[in-house]
Amino acid sequence: MDSFELNKVLGAILGTCLVLLVTSFAAGAIFSPAKLEKPGFEIAVKEEAAGGEKAAAAPAEPIEKLLQTASVQKGEQSAKKCGACHDFTKGGPNKVGPNLFGIVGDKKGEGRGFNFSAPMKAKGGVWTIDDLNKFIDNPKGFIPGTAMGFAGIQKDSERADLLVYLNSLSDSPQPLPTAAK
């Protein structure tokens, strides 16, 4: 290959690079994204009702009443969303979260061969149905700083089913609380 042919090949390569560079600059100028005031994602929240009052939520039915009609089978189905982080079998392994067999009536933040977060250890006491209900509804609200990244289960009946299922996972299940008359 003579030098004239080599110059044509190198010229074509350099010309292509120059066209790509100019195209990139032009596309960047035309399609540049708007700069955000601060980094992050916008989170949609419910607007307040007219007059500045918050919309009234439906009154929640007491969990004690829901527990009386709750289903262990439905609770087992609800627990599947917890199965990525928790195991429910007796003597089963810890995963991202502790094994939950026999959790009702057990100490908070202790034992189970699991390294609990400091806020969970500091909470103290035992897991009652009421405490589990509050924790499953809003983990970060019940124990601020907990390592549990789950947003919670807001549907009362689904939470009641899950609580009945968790209570059934024990060699000696705890008596379910009854609604006060």
Foldseek 3Di string as FASTA:
>chain_A
DDPVVVVVVVVVVVVVVVVVVVVVVVCCVVDPDDDDPDDDDDDDDDDADPPPHRDDDDDDDDLQALLVVAALVLLVVLCVVVVVQEAAAVVDQGGVHAHLQPQAFAWFCDDSPDHWDPQRVVVTDGHHLVLQLVCQQAVCVSRPPGPDPDRHDNDSNNSSNNSNNSQVRYPDRDDRDHDDD
